[in-house]
Every structure is written in structure tokens, then in C-alpha cells.
C-alpha atoms as a PDB file:
ATOM      1  CA  MET A   1      -0.028  -0.196  -0.115  1.00  0.00           C
ATOM      2  CA  ALA A   2       0.414   3.345  -0.900  1.00  0.00           C
ATOM      3  CA  THR A   3       2.023   6.205   2.383  1.00  0.00           C
ATOM      4  CA  ARG A   4       3.119   9.192   2.041  1.00  0.00           C
ATOM      5  CA  GLU A   5       5.611  11.465   3.502  1.00  0.00           C
ATOM      6  CA  LEU A   6       4.877  12.663   7.400  1.00  0.00           C
ATOM      7  CA  ASP A   7       6.118  16.392   7.019  1.00  0.00           C
ATOM      8  CA  GLU A   8       6.575  18.038  10.257  1.00  0.00           C
ATOM      9  CA  SER A   9       3.423  19.270  11.867  1.00  0.00           C
ATOM     10  CA  THR A  10       1.970  15.958  10.776  1.00  0.00           C
ATOM     11  CA  ALA A  11       4.690  14.113  12.545  1.00  0.00           C
ATOM     12  CA  THR A  12       3.954  16.547  16.058  1.00  0.00           C
ATOM     13  CA  LEU A  13       0.107  15.987  15.625  1.00  0.00           C
ATOM     14  CA  LEU A  14       0.333  11.557  15.795  1.00  0.00           C
ATOM     15  CA  GLN A  15       2.790  12.633  18.139  1.00  0.00           C
ATOM     16  CA  SER A  16       0.478  14.624  20.404  1.00  0.00           C
ATOM     17  CA  ALA A  17      -3.220  11.787  19.648  1.00  0.00           C
ATOM     18  CA  ILE A  18      -0.024   8.274  20.739  1.00  0.00           C
ATOM     19  CA  GLY A  19       0.828   9.935  23.801  1.00  0.00           C
ATOM     20  CA  PRO A  20       3.653   9.461  26.160  1.00  0.00           C
ATOM     21  CA  ILE A  21       4.149   5.409  25.518  1.00  0.00           C
ATOM     22  CA  GLU A  22       7.437   4.970  27.151  1.00  0.00           C
ATOM     23  CA  HIS A  23       5.924   1.779  29.365  1.00  0.00           C
ATOM     24  CA  LEU A  24       6.005  -0.040  25.104  1.00  0.00           C
ATOM     25  CA  ARG A  25       9.571   0.057  25.327  1.00  0.00           C
ATOM     26  CA  LEU A  26       8.879   0.516  21.362  1.00  0.00           C
ATOM     27  CA  THR A  27      12.833   1.252  19.426  1.00  0.00           C
ATOM     28  CA  HIS A  28      13.139   4.273  17.828  1.00  0.00           C
ATOM     29  CA  ALA A  29      12.367   2.114  13.854  1.00  0.00           C
ATOM     30  CA  GLU A  30       9.280   1.079  15.964  1.00  0.00           C
ATOM     31  CA  TYR A  31       8.330   4.118  16.663  1.00  0.00           C
ATOM     32  CA  THR A  32       8.866   6.145  13.641  1.00  0.00           C
ATOM     33  CA  GLU A  33       6.954   3.124  12.314  1.00  0.00           C
ATOM     34  CA  LEU A  34       3.932   3.273  14.344  1.00  0.00           C
ATOM     35  CA  LEU A  35       3.726   7.535  13.231  1.00  0.00           C
ATOM     36  CA  TYR A  36       3.051   5.925   9.310  1.00  0.00           C
ATOM     37  CA  THR A  37       1.084   2.703  10.277  1.00  0.00           C
ATOM     38  CA  LEU A  38      -0.788   5.626  12.341  1.00  0.00           C
ATOM     39  CA  ALA A  39      -1.419   8.099   8.973  1.00  0.00           C
ATOM     40  CA  TRP A  40      -2.398   4.917   6.935  1.00  0.00           C
ATOM     41  CA  PHE A  41      -4.659   3.918   9.227  1.00  0.00           C
ATOM     42  CA  VAL A  42      -6.923   7.164   9.780  1.00  0.00           C
ATOM     43  CA  GLY A  43      -5.620   8.086   6.105  1.00  0.00           C
ATOM     44  CA  GLY A  44      -6.767  11.136   3.853  1.00  0.00           C
ATOM     45  CA  SER A  45      -6.465  14.921   5.912  1.00  0.00           C
ATOM     46  CA  PHE A  46      -5.806  15.033   9.982  1.00  0.00           C
ATOM     47  CA  GLU A  47      -7.395  18.634   9.921  1.00  0.00           C
ATOM     48  CA  THR A  48     -11.132  17.454  10.697  1.00  0.00           C
ATOM     49  CA  VAL A  49      -9.671  14.645  12.965  1.00  0.00           C
ATOM     50  CA  ALA A  50      -9.773  14.360  16.696  1.00  0.00           C
ATOM     51  CA  PHE A  51      -7.649  12.010  18.970  1.00  0.00           C
ATOM     52  CA  VAL A  52      -7.710  10.412  21.802  1.00  0.00           C
ATOM     53  CA  ALA A  53      -5.166   8.578  24.061  1.00  0.00           C
ATOM     54  CA  GLU A  54      -6.126   6.461  26.440  1.00  0.00           C
ATOM     55  CA  GLN A  55      -4.022   4.557  29.267  1.00  0.00           C
ATOM     56  CA  PRO A  56      -2.373   1.633  29.007  1.00  0.00           C
ATOM     57  CA  GLU A  57      -4.173  -1.431  29.845  1.00  0.00           C
ATOM     58  CA  ALA A  58      -2.890  -2.469  33.016  1.00  0.00           C
ATOM     59  CA  SER A  59      -3.051  -6.353  32.259  1.00  0.00           C
ATOM     60  CA  THR A  60      -1.471  -6.336  28.953  1.00  0.00           C
ATOM     61  CA  GLY A  61       0.213  -3.028  28.663  1.00  0.00           C
ATOM     62  CA  GLU A  62      -1.820  -2.109  25.479  1.00  0.00           C
ATOM     63  CA  HIS A  63      -2.136   1.135  24.354  1.00  0.00           C
ATOM     64  CA  ARG A  64      -5.109   3.113  22.443  1.00  0.00           C
ATOM     65  CA  VAL A  65      -5.391   5.686  20.628  1.00  0.00           C
ATOM     66  CA  TYR A  66      -9.072   6.130  19.865  1.00  0.00           C
ATOM     67  CA  TRP A  67     -10.124   8.514  16.855  1.00  0.00           C
ATOM     68  CA  LEU A  68     -13.019  10.499  15.360  1.00  0.00           C
ATOM     69  CA  ARG A  69     -13.046  11.574  11.438  1.00  0.00           C
ATOM     70  CA  GLY A  70     -16.146  11.805   9.331  1.00  0.00           C
ATOM     71  CA  LYS A  71     -18.725   9.943  10.675  1.00  0.00           C
ATOM     72  CA  THR A  72     -16.181   6.801  11.800  1.00  0.00           C
ATOM     73  CA  PHE A  73     -14.923   6.143  15.208  1.00  0.00           C
ATOM     74  CA  GLY A  74     -11.445   4.297  15.295  1.00  0.00           C
ATOM     75  CA  CYS A  75      -9.048   2.502  17.266  1.00  0.00           C
ATOM     76  CA  LEU A  76      -4.833   1.608  17.448  1.00  0.00           C
ATOM     77  CA  ILE A  77      -4.013  -0.500  19.440  1.00  0.00           C
ATOM     78  CA  ILE A  78      -0.227  -1.174  20.344  1.00  0.00           C
ATOM     79  CA  GLY A  79       0.729  -4.151  21.916  1.00  0.00           C
ATOM     80  CA  ALA A  80       3.831  -4.126  24.435  1.00  0.00           C
ATOM     81  CA  HIS A  81       7.286  -4.703  23.141  1.00  0.00           C
ATOM     82  CA  GLN A  82       7.787  -8.787  23.542  1.00  0.00           C
ATOM     83  CA  GLY A  83      10.818  -8.807  22.966  1.00  0.00           C
ATOM     84  CA  PRO A  84      14.242  -6.972  25.420  1.00  0.00           C
ATOM     85  CA  GLU A  85      15.240  -3.909  25.666  1.00  0.00           C
ATOM     86  CA  GLY A  86      16.092  -2.773  21.842  1.00  0.00           C
ATOM     87  CA  ASP A  87      15.736  -6.077  20.611  1.00  0.00           C
ATOM     88  CA  LYS A  88      16.306  -4.930  15.851  1.00  0.00           C
ATOM     89  CA  ASN A  89      14.632  -7.997  15.445  1.00  0.00           C
ATOM     90  CA  ALA A  90      11.427  -7.027  17.499  1.00  0.00           C
ATOM     91  CA  LYS A  91       7.558  -6.530  15.183  1.00  0.00           C
ATOM     92  CA  LEU A  92       5.220  -3.474  16.753  1.00  0.00           C
ATOM     93  CA  LEU A  93       2.230  -5.283  17.522  1.00  0.00           C
ATOM     94  CA  VAL A  94      -0.785  -3.495  16.480  1.00  0.00           C
ATOM     95  CA  SER A  95      -4.167  -4.129  15.353  1.00  0.00           C
ATOM     96  CA  GLY A  96      -7.117  -1.872  15.658  1.00  0.00           C
ATOM     97  CA  TYR A  97     -10.740  -1.445  14.192  1.00  0.00           C
ATOM     98  CA  VAL A  98     -12.778   2.082  12.189  1.00  0.00           C
ATOM     99  CA  ARG A  99     -16.985   1.049  13.084  1.00  0.00           C
ATOM    100  CA  PRO A 100     -19.486   4.104  12.034  1.00  0.00           C
ATOM    101  CA  ILE A 101     -20.300   6.208  14.404  1.00  0.00           C
ATOM    102  CA  SER A 102     -23.807   3.831  14.220  1.00  0.00           C
ATOM    103  CA  ASP A 103     -22.227   1.454  15.716  1.00  0.00           C
ATOM    104  CA  ILE A 104     -22.392   3.932  19.598  1.00  0.00           C
ATOM    105  CA  ARG A 105     -25.849   2.043  20.761  1.00  0.00           C
ATOM    106  CA  ASN A 106     -24.585   5.611  23.563  1.00  0.00           C
ATOM    107  CA  ILE A 107     -23.085   7.455  25.740  1.00  0.00           C
ATOM    108  CA  GLU A 108     -22.805   7.466  29.498  1.00  0.00           C
ATOM    109  CA  LEU A 109     -21.208  10.200  31.824  1.00  0.00           C
ATOM    110  CA  GLN A 110     -19.454   7.938  34.931  1.00  0.00           C
ATOM    111  CA  ASP A 111     -17.824  10.642  36.306  1.00  0.00           C
ATOM    112  CA  VAL A 112     -17.403  14.780  35.925  1.00  0.00           C
ATOM    113  CA  GLN A 113     -14.861  16.611  38.300  1.00  0.00           C
ATOM    114  CA  ILE A 114     -15.423  20.680  38.118  1.00  0.00           C
ATOM    115  CA  ASP A 115     -12.283  22.869  38.389  1.00  0.00           C
ATOM    116  CA  TRP A 116     -12.861  25.920  39.346  1.00  0.00           C
ATOM    117  CA  PRO A 117     -10.276  29.278  38.428  1.00  0.00           C
ATOM    118  CA  ARG A 118      -8.195  30.338  41.341  1.00  0.00           C
ATOM    119  CA  TRP A 119      -8.170  33.561  39.834  1.00  0.00           C
ATOM    120  CA  GLY A 120      -8.378  35.790  36.939  1.00  0.00           C
ATOM    121  CA  THR A 121     -12.114  37.474  35.259  1.00  0.00           C
ATOM    122  CA  THR A 122     -12.852  34.869  34.271  1.00  0.00           C
ATOM    123  CA  ARG A 123     -15.702  32.633  36.578  1.00  0.00           C
ATOM    124  CA  VAL A 124     -16.632  29.709  34.169  1.00  0.00           C
ATOM    125  CA  PRO A 125     -15.202  26.260  35.851  1.00  0.00           C
ATOM    126  CA  GLU A 126     -13.472  23.730  34.027  1.00  0.00           C
ATOM    127  CA  LEU A 127     -15.611  20.423  33.150  1.00  0.00           C
ATOM    128  CA  LEU A 128     -13.677  17.624  32.794  1.00  0.00           C
ATOM    129  CA  PRO A 129     -15.571  14.514  32.841  1.00  0.00           C
ATOM    130  CA  THR A 130     -15.041  11.038  33.014  1.00  0.00           C
ATOM    131  CA  VAL A 131     -18.091   8.683  30.102  1.00  0.00           C
ATOM    132  CA  GLN A 132     -18.139   5.364  28.970  1.00  0.00           C
ATOM    133  CA  VAL A 133     -18.962   4.541  24.947  1.00  0.00           C
ATOM    134  CA  HIS A 134     -21.251   1.870  24.852  1.00  0.00           C
ATOM    135  CA  PHE A 135     -21.375  -0.924  21.632  1.00  0.00           C
ATOM    136  CA  ASN A 136     -23.167  -3.522  21.211  1.00  0.00           C
ATOM    137  CA  ASP A 137     -20.476  -5.701  21.830  1.00  0.00           C
ATOM    138  CA  MET A 138     -18.441  -3.826  24.150  1.00  0.00           C
ATOM    139  CA  THR A 139     -17.772  -1.205  25.690  1.00  0.00           C
ATOM    140  CA  LEU A 140     -14.573   1.391  26.539  1.00  0.00           C
ATOM    141  CA  THR A 141     -14.881   4.359  28.544  1.00  0.00           C
ATOM    142  CA  VAL A 142     -12.830   7.996  27.990  1.00  0.00           C
ATOM    143  CA  ASP A 143     -11.570   9.730  31.416  1.00  0.00           C
ATOM    144  CA  ALA A 144     -10.617  13.396  31.294  1.00  0.00           C
ATOM    145  CA  THR A 145     -10.223  13.753  35.142  1.00  0.00           C
ATOM    146  CA  SER A 146      -7.899  11.584  35.252  1.00  0.00           C
ATOM    147  CA  ARG A 147      -5.005  12.657  32.717  1.00  0.00           C
ATOM    148  CA  THR A 148      -2.053  14.201  33.993  1.00  0.00           C
ATOM    149  CA  ASN A 149      -1.505  17.419  32.216  1.00  0.00           C
ATOM    150  CA  GLU A 150      -2.867  20.472  30.777  1.00  0.00           C
ATOM    151  CA  PHE A 151      -3.317  19.568  26.745  1.00  0.00           C
ATOM    152  CA  ALA A 152      -4.331  15.609  27.806  1.00  0.00           C
ATOM    153  CA  ARG A 153      -6.951  16.729  29.558  1.00  0.00           C
ATOM    154  CA  SER A 154      -8.176  19.180  26.767  1.00  0.00           C
ATOM    155  CA  GLN A 155      -7.571  16.246  24.250  1.00  0.00           C
ATOM    156  CA  ALA A 156      -9.994  14.178  25.984  1.00  0.00           C
ATOM    157  CA  THR A 157     -12.630  16.550  27.076  1.00  0.00           C
ATOM    158  CA  ALA A 158     -12.097  18.196  22.920  1.00  0.00           C
ATOM    159  CA  PHE A 159     -12.888  13.855  22.024  1.00  0.00           C
ATOM    160  CA  ILE A 160     -16.289  13.410  24.240  1.00  0.00           C
ATOM    161  CA  GLU A 161     -16.939  16.643  22.954  1.00  0.00           C
ATOM    162  CA  ARG A 162     -16.944  15.985  19.174  1.00  0.00           C
ATOM    163  CA  LEU A 163     -18.806  12.555  20.153  1.00  0.00           C
ATOM    164  CA  GLN A 164     -21.583  13.972  21.614  1.00  0.00           C
ATOM    165  CA  SER A 165     -22.245  16.464  18.398  1.00  0.00           C
ATOM    166  CA  ALA A 166     -21.186  13.388  16.156  1.00  0.00           C
ATOM    167  CA  LEU A 167     -23.699  11.148  17.460  1.00  0.00           C
ATOM    168  CA  ALA A 168     -25.873  14.336  17.734  1.00  0.00           C
ATOM    169  CA  GLY A 169     -25.978  14.502  14.100  1.00  0.00           C
ATOM    170  CA  SER A 170     -24.393  17.635  14.395  1.00  0.00           C
ATOM    171  CA  GLY A 171     -20.257  16.564  13.772  1.00  0.00           C
END
């Protein structure tokens, strides 16, 4: 399959989408392969794509990147490195899916953390939701409250808002 060269801004966007993955122990070559795999699987222009990376699955070490593009919901699953650290022959473990948004039964609000600004003239709280996305055959959680930095919290919240808009038919 044909792939396209990743320019610096696209690579930066994809790196932000993937989030921290040190726990996977990927080599530089594997990380580069991961960027190209994600770009190819999402496809097209990234200007209208909303990404969110999920925290690693504790039992498997898997790392998931979800995205919304048009009327589709996608996921790329990156597996933990199975070989010894720095193994140049280790194969990148990836799988994933793309589903229509219409496969989502509902979004359930599980929790919301409300943070009021400590200073400044703006008195609007920041809402950090935790939601469960229910499909017929699976449920996944997107949690903005457990994110460790502002970018990751904003990314998760924006993803949830885009998902709500898409389900309402306006996204």
C-alpha cells in the first residue's frame, strides 16, 4: 500500500495523538513505524480528526489511540514490546478497527470533575468528564479526570465533545 511522507506538523500531531508510550519500550524505528501506521489507518487529511490516547491497559500493557473522523470511530491498539529491550528484530504489535459512529448505542456520563479557576476574571469552571461509550459488543471508557497534564485533559474533553456532536448529527 502506498504511504505518504509525514511532514513535521503531521508527525507532531500524531505524536500528540499517541501520547506517552515509554512503557511499550519501542525502538526509534518501531516508533516511526507506529506513526506511519496510524497515519495510514486514519487516512486522508488530519484537519478534521479528533484524537485521544487512552492510558495503558494494566493487564496487557496495550496502549490505545482513538479517533473520530467524519462518521467513523477508529482505534489503533499498540502492544507492549515482547522481546528484550533494544531488540532490533522485534515486530511492532498493532491491531485496530474503524467502525461507523452509528454503531454507538449511547454515551454514559460516569463522573465529572469541576475545576474553578483560582484567579483571573473568568469565572467559568473547567469540566473534566469521564464517559463510557457503549457499542453492542463492547464498552470503552474515556476519562479526562485522570490525565496528568493540561494537554491530555483538553484532548480527552475535546474528543468527548466531538463524540457527543457526532452522535447528535452535528459533528
